[in-house]
Amino acid sequence: MPKYLFSYHGGGMPESEQEQARHMAAWGDWMGATGAAFVDMGAPVGAIMTVGADSVSDGGGPNPVGGFGMVEAPDMAAACEIAKGCPVVTLSGGTVEVGETFEINM
């Protein structure tokens, strides 16, 4: 079955402890409901650097990645349905970039 990389963009960490708890509960609910699809739960991302041919810069550009995960789904449409329930989308106003991965035989 194909695997899809979820790149989480936008959102951010809630400021109050109450909001943090609400967001963590939403992540737990979402992953609990879709956990069988996750082949790698991923992690949040901290400091970001953008590396180009001639430069290295701070910040990751205009829409830096905030975290990632990897799911297994029958097709892109199914992976996108899973992503629609992500708390980055439902609570934080952010987005999830979904990209199909593939194996390279070397």
PDB file of N, CA and C in Angstrom:
ATOM      1  N   MET A   1       0.844  -1.176   0.000  1.00  0.00           N
ATOM      2  CA  MET A   1       0.000   0.000   0.000  1.00  0.00           C
ATOM      3  C   MET A   1       0.894   1.245   0.000  1.00  0.00           C
ATOM      4  N   PRO A   2       0.526   2.274  -0.762  1.00  0.00           N
ATOM      5  CA  PRO A   2       1.347   3.490  -0.823  1.00  0.00           C
ATOM      6  C   PRO A   2       1.469   4.197   0.525  1.00  0.00           C
ATOM      7  N   LYS A   3       2.579   4.910   0.687  1.00  0.00           N
ATOM      8  CA  LYS A   3       2.818   5.705   1.891  1.00  0.00           C
ATOM      9  C   LYS A   3       2.817   7.179   1.497  1.00  0.00           C
ATOM     10  N   TYR A   4       2.311   8.010   2.413  1.00  0.00           N
ATOM     11  CA  TYR A   4       2.190   9.442   2.170  1.00  0.00           C
ATOM     12  C   TYR A   4       2.814  10.226   3.311  1.00  0.00           C
ATOM     13  N   LEU A   5       3.642  11.198   2.948  1.00  0.00           N
ATOM     14  CA  LEU A   5       4.247  12.092   3.915  1.00  0.00           C
ATOM     15  C   LEU A   5       3.283  13.230   4.206  1.00  0.00           C
ATOM     16  N   PHE A   6       3.002  13.449   5.483  1.00  0.00           N
ATOM     17  CA  PHE A   6       2.214  14.601   5.915  1.00  0.00           C
ATOM     18  C   PHE A   6       3.203  15.653   6.429  1.00  0.00           C
ATOM     19  N   SER A   7       3.216  16.812   5.817  1.00  0.00           N
ATOM     20  CA  SER A   7       4.017  17.944   6.282  1.00  0.00           C
ATOM     21  C   SER A   7       3.045  18.973   6.847  1.00  0.00           C
ATOM     22  N   TYR A   8       3.169  19.258   8.134  1.00  0.00           N
ATOM     23  CA  TYR A   8       2.255  20.171   8.814  1.00  0.00           C
ATOM     24  C   TYR A   8       2.800  21.596   8.728  1.00  0.00           C
ATOM     25  N   HIS A   9       1.961  22.532   8.276  1.00  0.00           N
ATOM     26  CA  HIS A   9       2.357  23.932   8.108  1.00  0.00           C
ATOM     27  C   HIS A   9       1.394  24.841   8.852  1.00  0.00           C
ATOM     28  N   GLY A  10       1.936  25.873   9.459  1.00  0.00           N
ATOM     29  CA  GLY A  10       1.105  26.876  10.112  1.00  0.00           C
ATOM     30  C   GLY A  10       0.623  26.420  11.467  1.00  0.00           C
ATOM     31  N   GLY A  11      -0.329  27.149  11.978  1.00  0.00           N
ATOM     32  CA  GLY A  11      -0.844  26.816  13.300  1.00  0.00           C
ATOM     33  C   GLY A  11       0.029  27.430  14.365  1.00  0.00           C
ATOM     34  N   GLY A  12       0.722  26.624  15.097  1.00  0.00           N
ATOM     35  CA  GLY A  12       1.553  27.106  16.182  1.00  0.00           C
ATOM     36  C   GLY A  12       1.089  26.544  17.503  1.00  0.00           C
ATOM     37  N   MET A  13       1.878  26.785  18.505  1.00  0.00           N
ATOM     38  CA  MET A  13       1.571  26.274  19.839  1.00  0.00           C
ATOM     39  C   MET A  13       0.610  27.211  20.553  1.00  0.00           C
ATOM     40  N   PRO A  14      -0.486  26.684  21.089  1.00  0.00           N
ATOM     41  CA  PRO A  14      -1.418  27.524  21.852  1.00  0.00           C
ATOM     42  C   PRO A  14      -0.727  28.109  23.087  1.00  0.00           C
ATOM     43  N   GLU A  15      -1.184  29.287  23.489  1.00  0.00           N
ATOM     44  CA  GLU A  15      -0.510  29.989  24.579  1.00  0.00           C
ATOM     45  C   GLU A  15      -0.929  29.524  25.969  1.00  0.00           C
ATOM     46  N   SER A  16      -2.201  29.321  26.208  1.00  0.00           N
ATOM     47  CA  SER A  16      -2.641  28.960  27.560  1.00  0.00           C
ATOM     48  C   SER A  16      -2.535  27.456  27.778  1.00  0.00           C
ATOM     49  N   GLU A  17      -2.400  27.065  29.032  1.00  0.00           N
ATOM     50  CA  GLU A  17      -2.344  25.636  29.359  1.00  0.00           C
ATOM     51  C   GLU A  17      -3.644  24.943  28.970  1.00  0.00           C
ATOM     52  N   GLN A  18      -4.755  25.636  29.131  1.00  0.00           N
ATOM     53  CA  GLN A  18      -6.059  25.066  28.771  1.00  0.00           C
ATOM     54  C   GLN A  18      -6.127  24.788  27.269  1.00  0.00           C
ATOM     55  N   GLU A  19      -5.663  25.732  26.453  1.00  0.00           N
ATOM     56  CA  GLU A  19      -5.661  25.538  25.003  1.00  0.00           C
ATOM     57  C   GLU A  19      -4.665  24.455  24.592  1.00  0.00           C
ATOM     58  N   GLN A  20      -3.513  24.407  25.256  1.00  0.00           N
ATOM     59  CA  GLN A  20      -2.548  23.359  24.970  1.00  0.00           C
ATOM     60  C   GLN A  20      -3.152  21.986  25.241  1.00  0.00           C
ATOM     61  N   ALA A  21      -3.860  21.858  26.352  1.00  0.00           N
ATOM     62  CA  ALA A  21      -4.503  20.585  26.701  1.00  0.00           C
ATOM     63  C   ALA A  21      -5.568  20.218  25.670  1.00  0.00           C
ATOM     64  N   ARG A  22      -6.322  21.215  25.217  1.00  0.00           N
ATOM     65  CA  ARG A  22      -7.366  20.974  24.210  1.00  0.00           C
ATOM     66  C   ARG A  22      -6.736  20.495  22.901  1.00  0.00           C
ATOM     67  N   HIS A  23      -5.642  21.121  22.499  1.00  0.00           N
ATOM     68  CA  HIS A  23      -4.973  20.725  21.259  1.00  0.00           C
ATOM     69  C   HIS A  23      -4.357  19.333  21.384  1.00  0.00           C
ATOM     70  N   MET A  24      -3.726  19.045  22.514  1.00  0.00           N
ATOM     71  CA  MET A  24      -3.138  17.724  22.705  1.00  0.00           C
ATOM     72  C   MET A  24      -4.214  16.641  22.701  1.00  0.00           C
ATOM     73  N   ALA A  25      -5.369  16.938  23.308  1.00  0.00           N
ATOM     74  CA  ALA A  25      -6.482  15.980  23.287  1.00  0.00           C
ATOM     75  C   ALA A  25      -6.969  15.754  21.859  1.00  0.00           C
ATOM     76  N   ALA A  26      -7.023  16.825  21.064  1.00  0.00           N
ATOM     77  CA  ALA A  26      -7.452  16.699  19.669  1.00  0.00           C
ATOM     78  C   ALA A  26      -6.463  15.846  18.872  1.00  0.00           C
ATOM     79  N   TRP A  27      -5.152  16.047  19.120  1.00  0.00           N
ATOM     80  CA  TRP A  27      -4.154  15.204  18.453  1.00  0.00           C
ATOM     81  C   TRP A  27      -4.330  13.748  18.863  1.00  0.00           C
ATOM     82  N   GLY A  28      -4.542  13.510  20.143  1.00  0.00           N
ATOM     83  CA  GLY A  28      -4.746  12.144  20.625  1.00  0.00           C
ATOM     84  C   GLY A  28      -5.977  11.503  20.009  1.00  0.00           C
ATOM     85  N   ASP A  29      -7.060  12.258  19.913  1.00  0.00           N
ATOM     86  CA  ASP A  29      -8.292  11.741  19.306  1.00  0.00           C
ATOM     87  C   ASP A  29      -8.087  11.421  17.829  1.00  0.00           C
ATOM     88  N   TRP A  30      -7.444  12.357  17.112  1.00  0.00           N
ATOM     89  CA  TRP A  30      -7.225  12.160  15.676  1.00  0.00           C
ATOM     90  C   TRP A  30      -6.325  10.961  15.423  1.00  0.00           C
ATOM     91  N   MET A  31      -5.235  10.879  16.139  1.00  0.00           N
ATOM     92  CA  MET A  31      -4.315   9.756  15.927  1.00  0.00           C
ATOM     93  C   MET A  31      -4.937   8.448  16.408  1.00  0.00           C
ATOM     94  N   GLY A  32      -5.750   8.514  17.457  1.00  0.00           N
ATOM     95  CA  GLY A  32      -6.436   7.314  17.911  1.00  0.00           C
ATOM     96  C   GLY A  32      -7.415   6.791  16.876  1.00  0.00           C
ATOM     97  N   ALA A  33      -8.081   7.715  16.193  1.00  0.00           N
ATOM     98  CA  ALA A  33      -9.071   7.340  15.181  1.00  0.00           C
ATOM     99  C   ALA A  33      -8.405   6.852  13.897  1.00  0.00           C
ATOM    100  N   THR A  34      -7.213   7.342  13.597  1.00  0.00           N
ATOM    101  CA  THR A  34      -6.552   7.004  12.341  1.00  0.00           C
ATOM    102  C   THR A  34      -5.217   6.301  12.558  1.00  0.00           C
ATOM    103  N   GLY A  35      -4.915   5.952  13.801  1.00  0.00           N
ATOM    104  CA  GLY A  35      -3.611   5.425  14.171  1.00  0.00           C
ATOM    105  C   GLY A  35      -3.138   4.232  13.366  1.00  0.00           C
ATOM    106  N   ALA A  36      -4.056   3.378  12.935  1.00  0.00           N
ATOM    107  CA  ALA A  36      -3.634   2.210  12.165  1.00  0.00           C
ATOM    108  C   ALA A  36      -3.008   2.612  10.837  1.00  0.00           C
ATOM    109  N   ALA A  37      -3.374   3.784  10.327  1.00  0.00           N
ATOM    110  CA  ALA A  37      -2.818   4.257   9.055  1.00  0.00           C
ATOM    111  C   ALA A  37      -1.405   4.800   9.219  1.00  0.00           C
ATOM    112  N   PHE A  38      -1.049   5.240  10.421  1.00  0.00           N
ATOM    113  CA  PHE A  38       0.264   5.850  10.629  1.00  0.00           C
ATOM    114  C   PHE A  38       1.360   4.786  10.667  1.00  0.00           C
ATOM    115  N   VAL A  39       2.329   4.927   9.782  1.00  0.00           N
ATOM    116  CA  VAL A  39       3.501   4.063   9.814  1.00  0.00           C
ATOM    117  C   VAL A  39       4.636   4.766  10.560  1.00  0.00           C
ATOM    118  N   ASP A  40       4.517   6.086  10.701  1.00  0.00           N
ATOM    119  CA  ASP A  40       5.452   6.877  11.506  1.00  0.00           C
ATOM    120  C   ASP A  40       4.660   8.070  12.031  1.00  0.00           C
ATOM    121  N   MET A  41       4.471   8.129  13.351  1.00  0.00           N
ATOM    122  CA  MET A  41       3.703   9.223  13.947  1.00  0.00           C
ATOM    123  C   MET A  41       4.379  10.568  13.719  1.00  0.00           C
ATOM    124  N   GLY A  42       5.668  10.552  13.418  1.00  0.00           N
ATOM    125  CA  GLY A  42       6.381  11.782  13.152  1.00  0.00           C
ATOM    126  C   GLY A  42       6.704  12.540  14.419  1.00  0.00           C
ATOM    127  N   ALA A  43       6.882  13.858  14.266  1.00  0.00           N
ATOM    128  CA  ALA A  43       7.268  14.704  15.388  1.00  0.00           C
ATOM    129  C   ALA A  43       7.127  16.162  14.991  1.00  0.00           C
ATOM    130  N   PRO A  44       7.046  17.043  15.989  1.00  0.00           N
ATOM    131  CA  PRO A  44       7.128  18.467  15.681  1.00  0.00           C
ATOM    132  C   PRO A  44       8.541  18.804  15.211  1.00  0.00           C
ATOM    133  N   VAL A  45       8.671  19.939  14.544  1.00  0.00           N
ATOM    134  CA  VAL A  45       9.962  20.401  14.064  1.00  0.00           C
ATOM    135  C   VAL A  45      10.330  21.667  14.823  1.00  0.00           C
ATOM    136  N   GLY A  46      11.590  21.767  15.228  1.00  0.00           N
ATOM    137  CA  GLY A  46      12.074  22.952  15.938  1.00  0.00           C
ATOM    138  C   GLY A  46      12.684  23.962  14.982  1.00  0.00           C
ATOM    139  N   ALA A  47      13.916  24.349  15.246  1.00  0.00           N
ATOM    140  CA  ALA A  47      14.610  25.339  14.419  1.00  0.00           C
ATOM    141  C   ALA A  47      14.693  24.864  12.974  1.00  0.00           C
ATOM    142  N   ILE A  48      14.533  25.792  12.046  1.00  0.00           N
ATOM    143  CA  ILE A  48      14.538  25.464  10.615  1.00  0.00           C
ATOM    144  C   ILE A  48      15.561  26.337   9.904  1.00  0.00           C
ATOM    145  N   MET A  49      16.327  25.722   9.034  1.00  0.00           N
ATOM    146  CA  MET A  49      17.268  26.425   8.162  1.00  0.00           C
ATOM    147  C   MET A  49      16.930  26.025   6.731  1.00  0.00           C
ATOM    148  N   THR A  50      17.032  26.963   5.825  1.00  0.00           N
ATOM    149  CA  THR A  50      16.828  26.688   4.407  1.00  0.00           C
ATOM    150  C   THR A  50      18.193  26.713   3.725  1.00  0.00           C
ATOM    151  N   VAL A  51      18.530  25.624   3.049  1.00  0.00           N
ATOM    152  CA  VAL A  51      19.829  25.494   2.407  1.00  0.00           C
ATOM    153  C   VAL A  51      19.636  25.537   0.897  1.00  0.00           C
ATOM    154  N   GLY A  52      20.328  26.463   0.258  1.00  0.00           N
ATOM    155  CA  GLY A  52      20.333  26.578  -1.196  1.00  0.00           C
ATOM    156  C   GLY A  52      21.744  26.379  -1.707  1.00  0.00           C
ATOM    157  N   ALA A  53      21.930  26.455  -3.003  1.00  0.00           N
ATOM    158  CA  ALA A  53      23.252  26.262  -3.603  1.00  0.00           C
ATOM    159  C   ALA A  53      24.263  27.272  -3.084  1.00  0.00           C
ATOM    160  N   ASP A  54      23.809  28.501  -2.831  1.00  0.00           N
ATOM    161  CA  ASP A  54      24.735  29.561  -2.436  1.00  0.00           C
ATOM    162  C   ASP A  54      24.467  30.165  -1.072  1.00  0.00           C
ATOM    163  N   SER A  55      23.509  29.614  -0.326  1.00  0.00           N
ATOM    164  CA  SER A  55      23.185  30.265   0.949  1.00  0.00           C
ATOM    165  C   SER A  55      22.537  29.304   1.933  1.00  0.00           C
ATOM    166  N   VAL A  56      22.584  29.714   3.180  1.00  0.00           N
ATOM    167  CA  VAL A  56      21.863  29.050   4.261  1.00  0.00           C
ATOM    168  C   VAL A  56      21.171  30.173   5.024  1.00  0.00           C
ATOM    169  N   SER A  57      19.834  30.050   5.201  1.00  0.00           N
ATOM    170  CA  SER A  57      19.111  31.111   5.894  1.00  0.00           C
ATOM    171  C   SER A  57      18.185  30.533   6.947  1.00  0.00           C
ATOM    172  N   ASP A  58      17.872  31.358   7.940  1.00  0.00           N
ATOM    173  CA  ASP A  58      16.977  30.972   9.032  1.00  0.00           C
ATOM    174  C   ASP A  58      15.527  30.991   8.591  1.00  0.00           C
ATOM    175  N   GLY A  59      14.726  30.189   9.254  1.00  0.00           N
ATOM    176  CA  GLY A  59      13.289  30.349   9.226  1.00  0.00           C
ATOM    177  C   GLY A  59      12.465  29.492   8.311  1.00  0.00           C
ATOM    178  N   GLY A  60      13.011  28.871   7.318  1.00  0.00           N
ATOM    179  CA  GLY A  60      12.222  27.970   6.489  1.00  0.00           C
ATOM    180  C   GLY A  60      11.316  28.621   5.472  1.00  0.00           C
ATOM    181  N   GLY A  61      11.483  29.887   5.194  1.00  0.00           N
ATOM    182  CA  GLY A  61      10.668  30.543   4.179  1.00  0.00           C
ATOM    183  C   GLY A  61       9.327  31.001   4.705  1.00  0.00           C
ATOM    184  N   PRO A  62       8.423  31.367   3.789  1.00  0.00           N
ATOM    185  CA  PRO A  62       7.148  31.969   4.192  1.00  0.00           C
ATOM    186  C   PRO A  62       6.170  31.012   4.884  1.00  0.00           C
ATOM    187  N   ASN A  63       6.306  29.719   4.673  1.00  0.00           N
ATOM    188  CA  ASN A  63       5.382  28.755   5.266  1.00  0.00           C
ATOM    189  C   ASN A  63       6.164  27.534   5.764  1.00  0.00           C
ATOM    190  N   PRO A  64       6.948  27.697   6.823  1.00  0.00           N
ATOM    191  CA  PRO A  64       7.824  26.610   7.253  1.00  0.00           C
ATOM    192  C   PRO A  64       7.061  25.393   7.777  1.00  0.00           C
ATOM    193  N   VAL A  65       7.679  24.253   7.645  1.00  0.00           N
ATOM    194  CA  VAL A  65       7.098  23.023   8.163  1.00  0.00           C
ATOM    195  C   VAL A  65       7.159  23.056   9.693  1.00  0.00           C
ATOM    196  N   GLY A  66       6.064  22.608  10.325  1.00  0.00           N
ATOM    197  CA  GLY A  66       6.012  22.584  11.779  1.00  0.00           C
ATOM    198  C   GLY A  66       6.100  21.186  12.353  1.00  0.00           C
ATOM    199  N   GLY A  67       5.985  20.183  11.484  1.00  0.00           N
ATOM    200  CA  GLY A  67       6.050  18.801  11.919  1.00  0.00           C
ATOM    201  C   GLY A  67       5.765  17.885  10.745  1.00  0.00           C
ATOM    202  N   PHE A  68       5.789  16.581  11.007  1.00  0.00           N
ATOM    203  CA  PHE A  68       5.558  15.614   9.938  1.00  0.00           C
ATOM    204  C   PHE A  68       4.982  14.326  10.499  1.00  0.00           C
ATOM    205  N   GLY A  69       4.450  13.512   9.624  1.00  0.00           N
ATOM    206  CA  GLY A  69       4.005  12.164   9.922  1.00  0.00           C
ATOM    207  C   GLY A  69       3.999  11.379   8.627  1.00  0.00           C
ATOM    208  N   MET A  70       3.810  10.076   8.705  1.00  0.00           N
ATOM    209  CA  MET A  70       3.767   9.234   7.512  1.00  0.00           C
ATOM    210  C   MET A  70       2.612   8.250   7.669  1.00  0.00           C
ATOM    211  N   VAL A  71       1.715   8.229   6.675  1.00  0.00           N
ATOM    212  CA  VAL A  71       0.582   7.313   6.715  1.00  0.00           C
ATOM    213  C   VAL A  71       0.616   6.365   5.526  1.00  0.00           C
ATOM    214  N   GLU A  72      -0.082   5.275   5.698  1.00  0.00           N
ATOM    215  CA  GLU A  72      -0.302   4.322   4.624  1.00  0.00           C
ATOM    216  C   GLU A  72      -1.776   4.437   4.254  1.00  0.00           C
ATOM    217  N   ALA A  73      -2.071   4.571   2.966  1.00  0.00           N
ATOM    218  CA  ALA A  73      -3.454   4.709   2.506  1.00  0.00           C
ATOM    219  C   ALA A  73      -3.573   4.106   1.109  1.00  0.00           C
ATOM    220  N   PRO A  74      -4.779   3.693   0.728  1.00  0.00           N
ATOM    221  CA  PRO A  74      -4.942   3.069  -0.592  1.00  0.00           C
ATOM    222  C   PRO A  74      -4.604   4.003  -1.752  1.00  0.00           C
ATOM    223  N   ASP A  75      -4.855   5.313  -1.578  1.00  0.00           N
ATOM    224  CA  ASP A  75      -4.590   6.263  -2.650  1.00  0.00           C
ATOM    225  C   ASP A  75      -4.504   7.683  -2.074  1.00  0.00           C
ATOM    226  N   MET A  76      -4.187   8.644  -2.927  1.00  0.00           N
ATOM    227  CA  MET A  76      -4.032  10.031  -2.503  1.00  0.00           C
ATOM    228  C   MET A  76      -5.321  10.581  -1.903  1.00  0.00           C
ATOM    229  N   ALA A  77      -6.448  10.247  -2.484  1.00  0.00           N
ATOM    230  CA  ALA A  77      -7.723  10.749  -1.965  1.00  0.00           C
ATOM    231  C   ALA A  77      -7.952  10.279  -0.532  1.00  0.00           C
ATOM    232  N   ALA A  78      -7.640   9.036  -0.245  1.00  0.00           N
ATOM    233  CA  ALA A  78      -7.804   8.507   1.113  1.00  0.00           C
ATOM    234  C   ALA A  78      -6.831   9.180   2.081  1.00  0.00           C
ATOM    235  N   ALA A  79      -5.601   9.417   1.643  1.00  0.00           N
ATOM    236  CA  ALA A  79      -4.628  10.104   2.488  1.00  0.00           C
ATOM    237  C   ALA A  79      -5.090  11.525   2.791  1.00  0.00           C
ATOM    238  N   CYS A  80      -5.642  12.209   1.798  1.00  0.00           N
ATOM    239  CA  CYS A  80      -6.148  13.576   1.995  1.00  0.00           C
ATOM    240  C   CYS A  80      -7.332  13.585   2.957  1.00  0.00           C
ATOM    241  N   GLU A  81      -8.173  12.574   2.921  1.00  0.00           N
ATOM    242  CA  GLU A  81      -9.288  12.488   3.876  1.00  0.00           C
ATOM    243  C   GLU A  81      -8.764  12.375   5.304  1.00  0.00           C
ATOM    244  N   ILE A  82      -7.718  11.585   5.493  1.00  0.00           N
ATOM    245  CA  ILE A  82      -7.106  11.475   6.820  1.00  0.00           C
ATOM    246  C   ILE A  82      -6.571  12.838   7.247  1.00  0.00           C
ATOM    247  N   ALA A  83      -5.884  13.525   6.340  1.00  0.00           N
ATOM    248  CA  ALA A  83      -5.272  14.818   6.646  1.00  0.00           C
ATOM    249  C   ALA A  83      -6.309  15.874   7.019  1.00  0.00           C
ATOM    250  N   LYS A  84      -7.505  15.799   6.465  1.00  0.00           N
ATOM    251  CA  LYS A  84      -8.554  16.788   6.758  1.00  0.00           C
ATOM    252  C   LYS A  84      -8.911  16.833   8.238  1.00  0.00           C
ATOM    253  N   GLY A  85      -8.710  15.732   8.953  1.00  0.00           N
ATOM    254  CA  GLY A  85      -9.034  15.683  10.375  1.00  0.00           C
ATOM    255  C   GLY A  85      -7.903  16.130  11.283  1.00  0.00           C
ATOM    256  N   CYS A  86      -6.755  16.471  10.720  1.00  0.00           N
ATOM    257  CA  CYS A  86      -5.585  16.854  11.518  1.00  0.00           C
ATOM    258  C   CYS A  86      -5.866  18.135  12.305  1.00  0.00           C
ATOM    259  N   PRO A  87      -5.511  18.181  13.589  1.00  0.00           N
ATOM    260  CA  PRO A  87      -5.711  19.383  14.395  1.00  0.00           C
ATOM    261  C   PRO A  87      -5.019  20.628  13.852  1.00  0.00           C
ATOM    262  N   VAL A  88      -3.961  20.475  13.074  1.00  0.00           N
ATOM    263  CA  VAL A  88      -3.351  21.645  12.444  1.00  0.00           C
ATOM    264  C   VAL A  88      -4.384  22.324  11.549  1.00  0.00           C
ATOM    265  N   VAL A  89      -5.223  21.537  10.904  1.00  0.00           N
ATOM    266  CA  VAL A  89      -6.269  22.060  10.024  1.00  0.00           C
ATOM    267  C   VAL A  89      -7.504  22.465  10.827  1.00  0.00           C
ATOM    268  N   THR A  90      -7.979  21.570  11.684  1.00  0.00           N
ATOM    269  CA  THR A  90      -9.265  21.782  12.352  1.00  0.00           C
ATOM    270  C   THR A  90      -9.215  22.795  13.487  1.00  0.00           C
ATOM    271  N   LEU A  91      -8.077  22.941  14.154  1.00  0.00           N
ATOM    272  CA  LEU A  91      -7.991  23.854  15.298  1.00  0.00           C
ATOM    273  C   LEU A  91      -7.090  25.052  15.070  1.00  0.00           C
ATOM    274  N   SER A  92      -6.073  24.902  14.243  1.00  0.00           N
ATOM    275  CA  SER A  92      -5.037  25.928  14.160  1.00  0.00           C
ATOM    276  C   SER A  92      -5.076  26.770  12.894  1.00  0.00           C
ATOM    277  N   GLY A  93      -5.930  26.403  11.946  1.00  0.00           N
ATOM    278  CA  GLY A  93      -5.983  27.164  10.704  1.00  0.00           C
ATOM    279  C   GLY A  93      -4.798  26.931   9.792  1.00  0.00           C
ATOM    280  N   GLY A  94      -4.039  25.878  10.054  1.00  0.00           N
ATOM    281  CA  GLY A  94      -2.886  25.555   9.227  1.00  0.00           C
ATOM    282  C   GLY A  94      -3.268  24.609   8.098  1.00  0.00           C
ATOM    283  N   THR A  95      -2.267  24.031   7.484  1.00  0.00           N
ATOM    284  CA  THR A  95      -2.482  23.120   6.364  1.00  0.00           C
ATOM    285  C   THR A  95      -1.629  21.862   6.535  1.00  0.00           C
ATOM    286  N   VAL A  96      -2.019  20.820   5.828  1.00  0.00           N
ATOM    287  CA  VAL A  96      -1.222  19.599   5.749  1.00  0.00           C
ATOM    288  C   VAL A  96      -0.914  19.373   4.273  1.00  0.00           C
ATOM    289  N   GLU A  97       0.366  19.336   3.966  1.00  0.00           N
ATOM    290  CA  GLU A  97       0.808  18.999   2.622  1.00  0.00           C
ATOM    291  C   GLU A  97       0.934  17.487   2.580  1.00  0.00           C
ATOM    292  N   VAL A  98       0.315  16.850   1.586  1.00  0.00           N
ATOM    293  CA  VAL A  98       0.317  15.391   1.464  1.00  0.00           C
ATOM    294  C   VAL A  98       1.117  15.018   0.213  1.00  0.00           C
ATOM    295  N   GLY A  99       2.146  14.207   0.390  1.00  0.00           N
ATOM    296  CA  GLY A  99       2.961  13.794  -0.751  1.00  0.00           C
ATOM    297  C   GLY A  99       3.157  12.290  -0.763  1.00  0.00           C
ATOM    298  N   GLU A 100       2.875  11.670  -1.908  1.00  0.00           N
ATOM    299  CA  GLU A 100       3.086  10.228  -2.030  1.00  0.00           C
ATOM    300  C   GLU A 100       4.586   9.941  -2.110  1.00  0.00           C
ATOM    301  N   THR A 101       5.024   8.981  -1.332  1.00  0.00           N
ATOM    302  CA  THR A 101       6.419   8.558  -1.380  1.00  0.00           C
ATOM    303  C   THR A 101       6.521   7.302  -2.241  1.00  0.00           C
ATOM    304  N   PHE A 102       7.721   6.975  -2.653  1.00  0.00           N
ATOM    305  CA  PHE A 102       7.912   5.746  -3.422  1.00  0.00           C
ATOM    306  C   PHE A 102       9.276   5.166  -3.131  1.00  0.00           C
ATOM    307  N   GLU A 103       9.389   3.895  -3.353  1.00  0.00           N
ATOM    308  CA  GLU A 103      10.632   3.171  -3.097  1.00  0.00           C
ATOM    309  C   GLU A 103      11.585   3.375  -4.271  1.00  0.00           C
ATOM    310  N   ILE A 104      12.860   3.500  -3.949  1.00  0.00           N
ATOM    311  CA  ILE A 104      13.902   3.556  -4.975  1.00  0.00           C
ATOM    312  C   ILE A 104      14.798   2.341  -4.782  1.00  0.00           C
ATOM    313  N   ASN A 105      14.910   1.548  -5.814  1.00  0.00           N
ATOM    314  CA  ASN A 105      15.785   0.372  -5.769  1.00  0.00           C
ATOM    315  C   ASN A 105      17.157   0.778  -6.285  1.00  0.00           C
ATOM    316  N   MET A 106      18.153   0.612  -5.418  1.00  0.00           N
ATOM    317  CA  MET A 106      19.501   1.004  -5.823  1.00  0.00           C
ATOM    318  C   MET A 106      20.387  -0.205  -5.917  1.00  0.00           C
TER     319      MET A 106
END
